[in-house]
Amino acid sequence: HLERQLSNRHIQLIAIGGAIGTGLFMGSGKTISAAGPSVI
């Protein structure tokens, strides 16, 4: 069966990695140009 090998630091950084997607780095240019400062 699947083993519980992911520690607290793994879970925390996996959650951060999930929250910071490619859309922020690559897609934010389009979002800003469409919405302006209201993108905040």
ModelCIF file with pLDDT and N, C-alpha, C, O atoms, coordinates in Angstrom:
data_MODEL
#
_entry.id   MODEL 
#
_entity.id                         1 
_entity.type                       polymer 
_entity.pdbx_number_of_molecules   1 
#
_entity_poly.entity_id                      1 
_entity_poly.type                           'polypeptide(L)' 
_entity_poly.nstd_linkage                   no 
_entity_poly.nstd_monomer                   no 
_entity_poly.pdbx_seq_one_letter_code       HLERQLSNRHIQLIAIGGAIGTGLFMGSGKTISAAGPSVI 
_entity_poly.pdbx_seq_one_letter_code_can   HLERQLSNRHIQLIAIGGAIGTGLFMGSGKTISAAGPSVI 
_entity_poly.pdbx_strand_id                 A 
#
loop_
_entity_poly_seq.entity_id 
_entity_poly_seq.num 
_entity_poly_seq.mon_id 
_entity_poly_seq.hetero 
1 1  HIS n 
1 2  LEU n 
1 3  GLU n 
1 4  ARG n 
1 5  GLN n 
1 6  LEU n 
1 7  SER n 
1 8  ASN n 
1 9  ARG n 
1 10 HIS n 
1 11 ILE n 
1 12 GLN n 
1 13 LEU n 
1 14 ILE n 
1 15 ALA n 
1 16 ILE n 
1 17 GLY n 
1 18 GLY n 
1 19 ALA n 
1 20 ILE n 
1 21 GLY n 
1 22 THR n 
1 23 GLY n 
1 24 LEU n 
1 25 PHE n 
1 26 MET n 
1 27 GLY n 
1 28 SER n 
1 29 GLY n 
1 30 LYS n 
1 31 THR n 
1 32 ILE n 
1 33 SER n 
1 34 ALA n 
1 35 ALA n 
1 36 GLY n 
1 37 PRO n 
1 38 SER n 
1 39 VAL n 
1 40 ILE n 
#
_struct_asym.id          A 
_struct_asym.entity_id   1 
#
loop_
_ma_qa_metric.id 
_ma_qa_metric.mode 
_ma_qa_metric.name 
_ma_qa_metric.software_group_id 
_ma_qa_metric.type 
1 global pLDDT . pLDDT 
2 local  pLDDT . pLDDT 
#
_ma_qa_metric_global.metric_id      1 
_ma_qa_metric_global.metric_value   70.42 
_ma_qa_metric_global.model_id       1 
_ma_qa_metric_global.ordinal_id     1 
#
loop_
_ma_qa_metric_local.label_asym_id 
_ma_qa_metric_local.label_comp_id 
_ma_qa_metric_local.label_seq_id 
_ma_qa_metric_local.metric_id 
_ma_qa_metric_local.metric_value 
_ma_qa_metric_local.model_id 
_ma_qa_metric_local.ordinal_id 
A HIS 1  2 55.00 1 1  
A LEU 2  2 58.00 1 2  
A GLU 3  2 55.00 1 3  
A ARG 4  2 59.00 1 4  
A GLN 5  2 57.00 1 5  
A LEU 6  2 63.00 1 6  
A SER 7  2 62.00 1 7  
A ASN 8  2 62.00 1 8  
A ARG 9  2 65.00 1 9  
A HIS 10 2 66.00 1 10 
A ILE 11 2 67.00 1 11 
A GLN 12 2 66.00 1 12 
A LEU 13 2 68.00 1 13 
A ILE 14 2 67.00 1 14 
A ALA 15 2 64.00 1 15 
A ILE 16 2 67.00 1 16 
A GLY 17 2 65.00 1 17 
A GLY 18 2 60.00 1 18 
A ALA 19 2 60.00 1 19 
A ILE 20 2 68.00 1 20 
A GLY 21 2 61.00 1 21 
A THR 22 2 62.00 1 22 
A GLY 23 2 64.00 1 23 
A LEU 24 2 70.00 1 24 
A PHE 25 2 70.00 1 25 
A MET 26 2 66.00 1 26 
A GLY 27 2 67.00 1 27 
A SER 28 2 77.00 1 28 
A GLY 29 2 79.00 1 29 
A LYS 30 2 79.00 1 30 
A THR 31 2 82.00 1 31 
A ILE 32 2 86.00 1 32 
A SER 33 2 84.00 1 33 
A ALA 34 2 82.00 1 34 
A ALA 35 2 86.00 1 35 
A GLY 36 2 87.00 1 36 
A PRO 37 2 91.00 1 37 
A SER 38 2 91.00 1 38 
A VAL 39 2 89.00 1 39 
A ILE 40 2 90.00 1 40 
#
loop_
_atom_site.group_PDB 
_atom_site.id 
_atom_site.type_symbol 
_atom_site.label_atom_id 
_atom_site.label_alt_id 
_atom_site.label_comp_id 
_atom_site.label_asym_id 
_atom_site.label_entity_id 
_atom_site.label_seq_id 
_atom_site.pdbx_PDB_ins_code 
_atom_site.Cartn_x 
_atom_site.Cartn_y 
_atom_site.Cartn_z 
_atom_site.occupancy 
_atom_site.B_iso_or_equiv 
_atom_site.pdbx_formal_charge 
_atom_site.auth_seq_id 
_atom_site.auth_comp_id 
_atom_site.auth_asym_id 
_atom_site.auth_atom_id 
_atom_site.pdbx_PDB_model_num 
ATOM 1   N N  . HIS A 1 1  ? 0.840  -1.196 0.000   1.00 55.00 ? 1  HIS A N  1 
ATOM 2   C CA . HIS A 1 1  ? 0.000  0.000  0.000   1.00 55.00 ? 1  HIS A CA 1 
ATOM 3   C C  . HIS A 1 1  ? 0.874  1.243  0.000   1.00 55.00 ? 1  HIS A C  1 
ATOM 4   O O  . HIS A 1 1  ? 2.074  1.177  0.266   1.00 55.00 ? 1  HIS A O  1 
ATOM 5   N N  . LEU A 1 2  ? 0.248  2.388  -0.305  1.00 58.00 ? 2  LEU A N  1 
ATOM 6   C CA . LEU A 1 2  ? 0.961  3.662  -0.289  1.00 58.00 ? 2  LEU A CA 1 
ATOM 7   C C  . LEU A 1 2  ? 1.499  3.928  1.112   1.00 58.00 ? 2  LEU A C  1 
ATOM 8   O O  . LEU A 1 2  ? 0.819  3.661  2.103   1.00 58.00 ? 2  LEU A O  1 
ATOM 9   N N  . GLU A 1 3  ? 2.717  4.452  1.195   1.00 55.00 ? 3  GLU A N  1 
ATOM 10  C CA . GLU A 1 3  ? 3.337  4.688  2.494   1.00 55.00 ? 3  GLU A CA 1 
ATOM 11  C C  . GLU A 1 3  ? 3.331  6.170  2.850   1.00 55.00 ? 3  GLU A C  1 
ATOM 12  O O  . GLU A 1 3  ? 3.409  7.038  1.980   1.00 55.00 ? 3  GLU A O  1 
ATOM 13  N N  . ARG A 1 4  ? 3.235  6.439  4.168   1.00 59.00 ? 4  ARG A N  1 
ATOM 14  C CA . ARG A 1 4  ? 3.219  7.819  4.652   1.00 59.00 ? 4  ARG A CA 1 
ATOM 15  C C  . ARG A 1 4  ? 4.664  8.312  4.814   1.00 59.00 ? 4  ARG A C  1 
ATOM 16  O O  . ARG A 1 4  ? 5.251  8.218  5.892   1.00 59.00 ? 4  ARG A O  1 
ATOM 17  N N  . GLN A 1 5  ? 5.223  8.843  3.709   1.00 57.00 ? 5  GLN A N  1 
ATOM 18  C CA . GLN A 1 5  ? 6.609  9.287  3.708   1.00 57.00 ? 5  GLN A CA 1 
ATOM 19  C C  . GLN A 1 5  ? 6.752  10.803 3.581   1.00 57.00 ? 5  GLN A C  1 
ATOM 20  O O  . GLN A 1 5  ? 7.864  11.322 3.680   1.00 57.00 ? 5  GLN A O  1 
ATOM 21  N N  . LEU A 1 6  ? 5.644  11.525 3.364   1.00 63.00 ? 6  LEU A N  1 
ATOM 22  C CA . LEU A 1 6  ? 5.714  12.977 3.169   1.00 63.00 ? 6  LEU A CA 1 
ATOM 23  C C  . LEU A 1 6  ? 5.640  13.683 4.526   1.00 63.00 ? 6  LEU A C  1 
ATOM 24  O O  . LEU A 1 6  ? 4.628  13.609 5.223   1.00 63.00 ? 6  LEU A O  1 
ATOM 25  N N  . SER A 1 7  ? 6.724  14.363 4.884   1.00 62.00 ? 7  SER A N  1 
ATOM 26  C CA . SER A 1 7  ? 6.809  15.047 6.177   1.00 62.00 ? 7  SER A CA 1 
ATOM 27  C C  . SER A 1 7  ? 6.123  16.407 6.118   1.00 62.00 ? 7  SER A C  1 
ATOM 28  O O  . SER A 1 7  ? 5.612  16.807 5.072   1.00 62.00 ? 7  SER A O  1 
ATOM 29  N N  . ASN A 1 8  ? 6.113  17.113 7.244   1.00 62.00 ? 8  ASN A N  1 
ATOM 30  C CA . ASN A 1 8  ? 5.480  18.427 7.314   1.00 62.00 ? 8  ASN A CA 1 
ATOM 31  C C  . ASN A 1 8  ? 6.082  19.394 6.306   1.00 62.00 ? 8  ASN A C  1 
ATOM 32  O O  . ASN A 1 8  ? 5.346  20.104 5.620   1.00 62.00 ? 8  ASN A O  1 
ATOM 33  N N  . ARG A 1 9  ? 7.419  19.437 6.204   1.00 65.00 ? 9  ARG A N  1 
ATOM 34  C CA . ARG A 1 9  ? 8.036  20.393 5.268   1.00 65.00 ? 9  ARG A CA 1 
ATOM 35  C C  . ARG A 1 9  ? 7.687  20.043 3.822   1.00 65.00 ? 9  ARG A C  1 
ATOM 36  O O  . ARG A 1 9  ? 7.539  20.938 2.989   1.00 65.00 ? 9  ARG A O  1 
ATOM 37  N N  . HIS A 1 10 ? 7.553  18.739 3.512   1.00 66.00 ? 10 HIS A N  1 
ATOM 38  C CA . HIS A 1 10 ? 7.131  18.353 2.167   1.00 66.00 ? 10 HIS A CA 1 
ATOM 39  C C  . HIS A 1 10 ? 5.714  18.848 1.890   1.00 66.00 ? 10 HIS A C  1 
ATOM 40  O O  . HIS A 1 10 ? 5.451  19.458 0.854   1.00 66.00 ? 10 HIS A O  1 
ATOM 41  N N  . ILE A 1 11 ? 4.796  18.576 2.834   1.00 67.00 ? 11 ILE A N  1 
ATOM 42  C CA . ILE A 1 11 ? 3.394  18.964 2.647   1.00 67.00 ? 11 ILE A CA 1 
ATOM 43  C C  . ILE A 1 11 ? 3.265  20.485 2.508   1.00 67.00 ? 11 ILE A C  1 
ATOM 44  O O  . ILE A 1 11 ? 2.537  20.971 1.642   1.00 67.00 ? 11 ILE A O  1 
ATOM 45  N N  . GLN A 1 12 ? 3.972  21.235 3.363   1.00 66.00 ? 12 GLN A N  1 
ATOM 46  C CA . GLN A 1 12 ? 3.909  22.692 3.314   1.00 66.00 ? 12 GLN A CA 1 
ATOM 47  C C  . GLN A 1 12 ? 4.380  23.224 1.961   1.00 66.00 ? 12 GLN A C  1 
ATOM 48  O O  . GLN A 1 12 ? 3.734  24.094 1.376   1.00 66.00 ? 12 GLN A O  1 
ATOM 49  N N  . LEU A 1 13 ? 5.496  22.708 1.468   1.00 68.00 ? 13 LEU A N  1 
ATOM 50  C CA . LEU A 1 13 ? 6.040  23.219 0.208   1.00 68.00 ? 13 LEU A CA 1 
ATOM 51  C C  . LEU A 1 13 ? 5.262  22.703 -0.993  1.00 68.00 ? 13 LEU A C  1 
ATOM 52  O O  . LEU A 1 13 ? 5.180  23.392 -2.010  1.00 68.00 ? 13 LEU A O  1 
ATOM 53  N N  . ILE A 1 14 ? 4.685  21.502 -0.899  1.00 67.00 ? 14 ILE A N  1 
ATOM 54  C CA . ILE A 1 14 ? 3.813  21.017 -1.970  1.00 67.00 ? 14 ILE A CA 1 
ATOM 55  C C  . ILE A 1 14 ? 2.586  21.924 -2.073  1.00 67.00 ? 14 ILE A C  1 
ATOM 56  O O  . ILE A 1 14 ? 2.132  22.249 -3.170  1.00 67.00 ? 14 ILE A O  1 
ATOM 57  N N  . ALA A 1 15 ? 2.054  22.331 -0.908  1.00 64.00 ? 15 ALA A N  1 
ATOM 58  C CA . ALA A 1 15 ? 0.894  23.236 -0.891  1.00 64.00 ? 15 ALA A CA 1 
ATOM 59  C C  . ALA A 1 15 ? 1.263  24.590 -1.494  1.00 64.00 ? 15 ALA A C  1 
ATOM 60  O O  . ALA A 1 15 ? 0.475  25.171 -2.240  1.00 64.00 ? 15 ALA A O  1 
ATOM 61  N N  . ILE A 1 16 ? 2.467  25.101 -1.172  1.00 67.00 ? 16 ILE A N  1 
ATOM 62  C CA . ILE A 1 16 ? 2.922  26.375 -1.743  1.00 67.00 ? 16 ILE A CA 1 
ATOM 63  C C  . ILE A 1 16 ? 3.124  26.222 -3.246  1.00 67.00 ? 16 ILE A C  1 
ATOM 64  O O  . ILE A 1 16 ? 2.725  27.084 -4.030  1.00 67.00 ? 16 ILE A O  1 
ATOM 65  N N  . GLY A 1 17 ? 3.752  25.107 -3.638  1.00 65.00 ? 17 GLY A N  1 
ATOM 66  C CA . GLY A 1 17 ? 3.972  24.864 -5.062  1.00 65.00 ? 17 GLY A CA 1 
ATOM 67  C C  . GLY A 1 17 ? 2.661  24.790 -5.826  1.00 65.00 ? 17 GLY A C  1 
ATOM 68  O O  . GLY A 1 17 ? 2.571  25.243 -6.967  1.00 65.00 ? 17 GLY A O  1 
ATOM 69  N N  . GLY A 1 18 ? 1.633  24.211 -5.184  1.00 60.00 ? 18 GLY A N  1 
ATOM 70  C CA . GLY A 1 18 ? 0.324  24.157 -5.813  1.00 60.00 ? 18 GLY A CA 1 
ATOM 71  C C  . GLY A 1 18 ? -0.328 25.521 -5.909  1.00 60.00 ? 18 GLY A C  1 
ATOM 72  O O  . GLY A 1 18 ? -1.025 25.819 -6.879  1.00 60.00 ? 18 GLY A O  1 
ATOM 73  N N  . ALA A 1 19 ? -0.099 26.354 -4.895  1.00 60.00 ? 19 ALA A N  1 
ATOM 74  C CA . ALA A 1 19 ? -0.720 27.686 -4.876  1.00 60.00 ? 19 ALA A CA 1 
ATOM 75  C C  . ALA A 1 19 ? -0.039 28.649 -5.841  1.00 60.00 ? 19 ALA A C  1 
ATOM 76  O O  . ALA A 1 19 ? -0.676 29.580 -6.334  1.00 60.00 ? 19 ALA A O  1 
ATOM 77  N N  . ILE A 1 20 ? 1.258  28.436 -6.120  1.00 68.00 ? 20 ILE A N  1 
ATOM 78  C CA . ILE A 1 20 ? 1.985  29.307 -7.053  1.00 68.00 ? 20 ILE A CA 1 
ATOM 79  C C  . ILE A 1 20 ? 2.142  28.552 -8.363  1.00 68.00 ? 20 ILE A C  1 
ATOM 80  O O  . ILE A 1 20 ? 3.094  27.789 -8.531  1.00 68.00 ? 20 ILE A O  1 
ATOM 81  N N  . GLY A 1 21 ? 1.218  28.758 -9.288  1.00 61.00 ? 21 GLY A N  1 
ATOM 82  C CA . GLY A 1 21 ? 1.238  28.014 -10.533 1.00 61.00 ? 21 GLY A CA 1 
ATOM 83  C C  . GLY A 1 21 ? 1.973  28.732 -11.645 1.00 61.00 ? 21 GLY A C  1 
ATOM 84  O O  . GLY A 1 21 ? 2.445  29.858 -11.488 1.00 61.00 ? 21 GLY A O  1 
ATOM 85  N N  . THR A 1 22 ? 2.056  28.038 -12.787 1.00 62.00 ? 22 THR A N  1 
ATOM 86  C CA . THR A 1 22 ? 2.670  28.616 -13.978 1.00 62.00 ? 22 THR A CA 1 
ATOM 87  C C  . THR A 1 22 ? 1.904  29.854 -14.418 1.00 62.00 ? 22 THR A C  1 
ATOM 88  O O  . THR A 1 22 ? 2.475  30.760 -15.024 1.00 62.00 ? 22 THR A O  1 
ATOM 89  N N  . GLY A 1 23 ? 0.597  29.893 -14.109 1.00 64.00 ? 23 GLY A N  1 
ATOM 90  C CA . GLY A 1 23 ? -0.225 31.036 -14.507 1.00 64.00 ? 23 GLY A CA 1 
ATOM 91  C C  . GLY A 1 23 ? 0.274  32.351 -13.949 1.00 64.00 ? 23 GLY A C  1 
ATOM 92  O O  . GLY A 1 23 ? 0.099  33.390 -14.585 1.00 64.00 ? 23 GLY A O  1 
ATOM 93  N N  . LEU A 1 24 ? 0.900  32.336 -12.762 1.00 70.00 ? 24 LEU A N  1 
ATOM 94  C CA . LEU A 1 24 ? 1.414  33.577 -12.186 1.00 70.00 ? 24 LEU A CA 1 
ATOM 95  C C  . LEU A 1 24 ? 2.611  34.082 -12.979 1.00 70.00 ? 24 LEU A C  1 
ATOM 96  O O  . LEU A 1 24 ? 2.690  35.270 -13.291 1.00 70.00 ? 24 LEU A O  1 
ATOM 97  N N  . PHE A 1 25 ? 3.541  33.196 -13.307 1.00 70.00 ? 25 PHE A N  1 
ATOM 98  C CA . PHE A 1 25 ? 4.757  33.612 -14.003 1.00 70.00 ? 25 PHE A CA 1 
ATOM 99  C C  . PHE A 1 25 ? 4.512  33.884 -15.487 1.00 70.00 ? 25 PHE A C  1 
ATOM 100 O O  . PHE A 1 25 ? 5.018  34.859 -16.042 1.00 70.00 ? 25 PHE A O  1 
ATOM 101 N N  . MET A 1 26 ? 3.723  33.003 -16.123 1.00 66.00 ? 26 MET A N  1 
ATOM 102 C CA . MET A 1 26 ? 3.544  33.117 -17.569 1.00 66.00 ? 26 MET A CA 1 
ATOM 103 C C  . MET A 1 26 ? 2.262  33.848 -17.948 1.00 66.00 ? 26 MET A C  1 
ATOM 104 O O  . MET A 1 26 ? 2.231  34.564 -18.949 1.00 66.00 ? 26 MET A O  1 
ATOM 105 N N  . GLY A 1 27 ? 1.200  33.674 -17.153 1.00 67.00 ? 27 GLY A N  1 
ATOM 106 C CA . GLY A 1 27 ? -0.098 34.213 -17.536 1.00 67.00 ? 27 GLY A CA 1 
ATOM 107 C C  . GLY A 1 27 ? -0.440 35.574 -16.985 1.00 67.00 ? 27 GLY A C  1 
ATOM 108 O O  . GLY A 1 27 ? -1.404 36.194 -17.434 1.00 67.00 ? 27 GLY A O  1 
ATOM 109 N N  . SER A 1 28 ? 0.346  36.070 -15.997 1.00 77.00 ? 28 SER A N  1 
ATOM 110 C CA . SER A 1 28 ? -0.025 37.336 -15.362 1.00 77.00 ? 28 SER A CA 1 
ATOM 111 C C  . SER A 1 28 ? 0.110  38.528 -16.297 1.00 77.00 ? 28 SER A C  1 
ATOM 112 O O  . SER A 1 28 ? -0.547 39.547 -16.085 1.00 77.00 ? 28 SER A O  1 
ATOM 113 N N  . GLY A 1 29 ? 0.952  38.427 -17.334 1.00 79.00 ? 29 GLY A N  1 
ATOM 114 C CA . GLY A 1 29 ? 1.061  39.517 -18.311 1.00 79.00 ? 29 GLY A CA 1 
ATOM 115 C C  . GLY A 1 29 ? -0.262 39.755 -19.012 1.00 79.00 ? 29 GLY A C  1 
ATOM 116 O O  . GLY A 1 29 ? -0.686 40.899 -19.180 1.00 79.00 ? 29 GLY A O  1 
ATOM 117 N N  . LYS A 1 30 ? -0.917 38.673 -19.424 1.00 79.00 ? 30 LYS A N  1 
ATOM 118 C CA . LYS A 1 30 ? -2.217 38.786 -20.082 1.00 79.00 ? 30 LYS A CA 1 
ATOM 119 C C  . LYS A 1 30 ? -3.276 39.288 -19.107 1.00 79.00 ? 30 LYS A C  1 
ATOM 120 O O  . LYS A 1 30 ? -4.109 40.124 -19.459 1.00 79.00 ? 30 LYS A O  1 
ATOM 121 N N  . THR A 1 31 ? -3.238 38.772 -17.874 1.00 82.00 ? 31 THR A N  1 
ATOM 122 C CA . THR A 1 31 ? -4.232 39.174 -16.878 1.00 82.00 ? 31 THR A CA 1 
ATOM 123 C C  . THR A 1 31 ? -4.139 40.664 -16.575 1.00 82.00 ? 31 THR A C  1 
ATOM 124 O O  . THR A 1 31 ? -5.156 41.353 -16.504 1.00 82.00 ? 31 THR A O  1 
ATOM 125 N N  . ILE A 1 32 ? -2.918 41.158 -16.397 1.00 86.00 ? 32 ILE A N  1 
ATOM 126 C CA . ILE A 1 32 ? -2.712 42.585 -16.092 1.00 86.00 ? 32 ILE A CA 1 
ATOM 127 C C  . ILE A 1 32 ? -3.154 43.443 -17.266 1.00 86.00 ? 32 ILE A C  1 
ATOM 128 O O  . ILE A 1 32 ? -3.815 44.463 -17.071 1.00 86.00 ? 32 ILE A O  1 
ATOM 129 N N  . SER A 1 33 ? -2.794 43.042 -18.493 1.00 84.00 ? 33 SER A N  1 
ATOM 130 C CA . SER A 1 33 ? -3.163 43.855 -19.664 1.00 84.00 ? 33 SER A CA 1 
ATOM 131 C C  . SER A 1 33 ? -4.676 43.901 -19.860 1.00 84.00 ? 33 SER A C  1 
ATOM 132 O O  . SER A 1 33 ? -5.197 44.866 -20.418 1.00 84.00 ? 33 SER A O  1 
ATOM 133 N N  . ALA A 1 34 ? -5.382 42.872 -19.409 1.00 82.00 ? 34 ALA A N  1 
ATOM 134 C CA . ALA A 1 34 ? -6.845 42.831 -19.562 1.00 82.00 ? 34 ALA A CA 1 
ATOM 135 C C  . ALA A 1 34 ? -7.567 43.595 -18.465 1.00 82.00 ? 34 ALA A C  1 
ATOM 136 O O  . ALA A 1 34 ? -8.519 44.326 -18.739 1.00 82.00 ? 34 ALA A O  1 
ATOM 137 N N  . ALA A 1 35 ? -7.113 43.429 -17.205 1.00 86.00 ? 35 ALA A N  1 
ATOM 138 C CA . ALA A 1 35 ? -7.853 43.972 -16.059 1.00 86.00 ? 35 ALA A CA 1 
ATOM 139 C C  . ALA A 1 35 ? -7.223 45.228 -15.467 1.00 86.00 ? 35 ALA A C  1 
ATOM 140 O O  . ALA A 1 35 ? -7.887 45.954 -14.727 1.00 86.00 ? 35 ALA A O  1 
ATOM 141 N N  . GLY A 1 36 ? -5.950 45.499 -15.778 1.00 87.00 ? 36 GLY A N  1 
ATOM 142 C CA . GLY A 1 36 ? -5.283 46.628 -15.138 1.00 87.00 ? 36 GLY A CA 1 
ATOM 143 C C  . GLY A 1 36 ? -5.051 46.348 -13.665 1.00 87.00 ? 36 GLY A C  1 
ATOM 144 O O  . GLY A 1 36 ? -5.001 45.185 -13.265 1.00 87.00 ? 36 GLY A O  1 
ATOM 145 N N  . PRO A 1 37 ? -4.908 47.379 -12.849 1.00 91.00 ? 37 PRO A N  1 
ATOM 146 C CA . PRO A 1 37 ? -4.661 47.181 -11.418 1.00 91.00 ? 37 PRO A CA 1 
ATOM 147 C C  . PRO A 1 37 ? -5.757 46.413 -10.681 1.00 91.00 ? 37 PRO A C  1 
ATOM 148 O O  . PRO A 1 37 ? -5.525 45.894 -9.589  1.00 91.00 ? 37 PRO A O  1 
ATOM 149 N N  . SER A 1 38 ? -6.955 46.338 -11.276 1.00 91.00 ? 38 SER A N  1 
ATOM 150 C CA . SER A 1 38 ? -8.037 45.586 -10.621 1.00 91.00 ? 38 SER A CA 1 
ATOM 151 C C  . SER A 1 38 ? -7.705 44.096 -10.532 1.00 91.00 ? 38 SER A C  1 
ATOM 152 O O  . SER A 1 38 ? -8.398 43.346 -9.845  1.00 91.00 ? 38 SER A O  1 
ATOM 153 N N  . VAL A 1 39 ? -6.643 43.666 -11.230 1.00 89.00 ? 39 VAL A N  1 
ATOM 154 C CA . VAL A 1 39 ? -6.218 42.270 -11.148 1.00 89.00 ? 39 VAL A CA 1 
ATOM 155 C C  . VAL A 1 39 ? -5.849 41.897 -9.705  1.00 89.00 ? 39 VAL A C  1 
ATOM 156 O O  . VAL A 1 39 ? -5.921 40.727 -9.328  1.00 89.00 ? 39 VAL A O  1 
ATOM 157 N N  . ILE A 1 40 ? -5.458 42.885 -8.908  1.00 90.00 ? 40 ILE A N  1 
ATOM 158 C CA . ILE A 1 40 ? -5.153 42.646 -7.488  1.00 90.00 ? 40 ILE A CA 1 
ATOM 159 C C  . ILE A 1 40 ? -6.384 42.075 -6.791  1.00 90.00 ? 40 ILE A C  1 
ATOM 160 O O  . ILE A 1 40 ? -6.343 41.802 -5.591  1.00 90.00 ? 40 ILE A O  1 
#
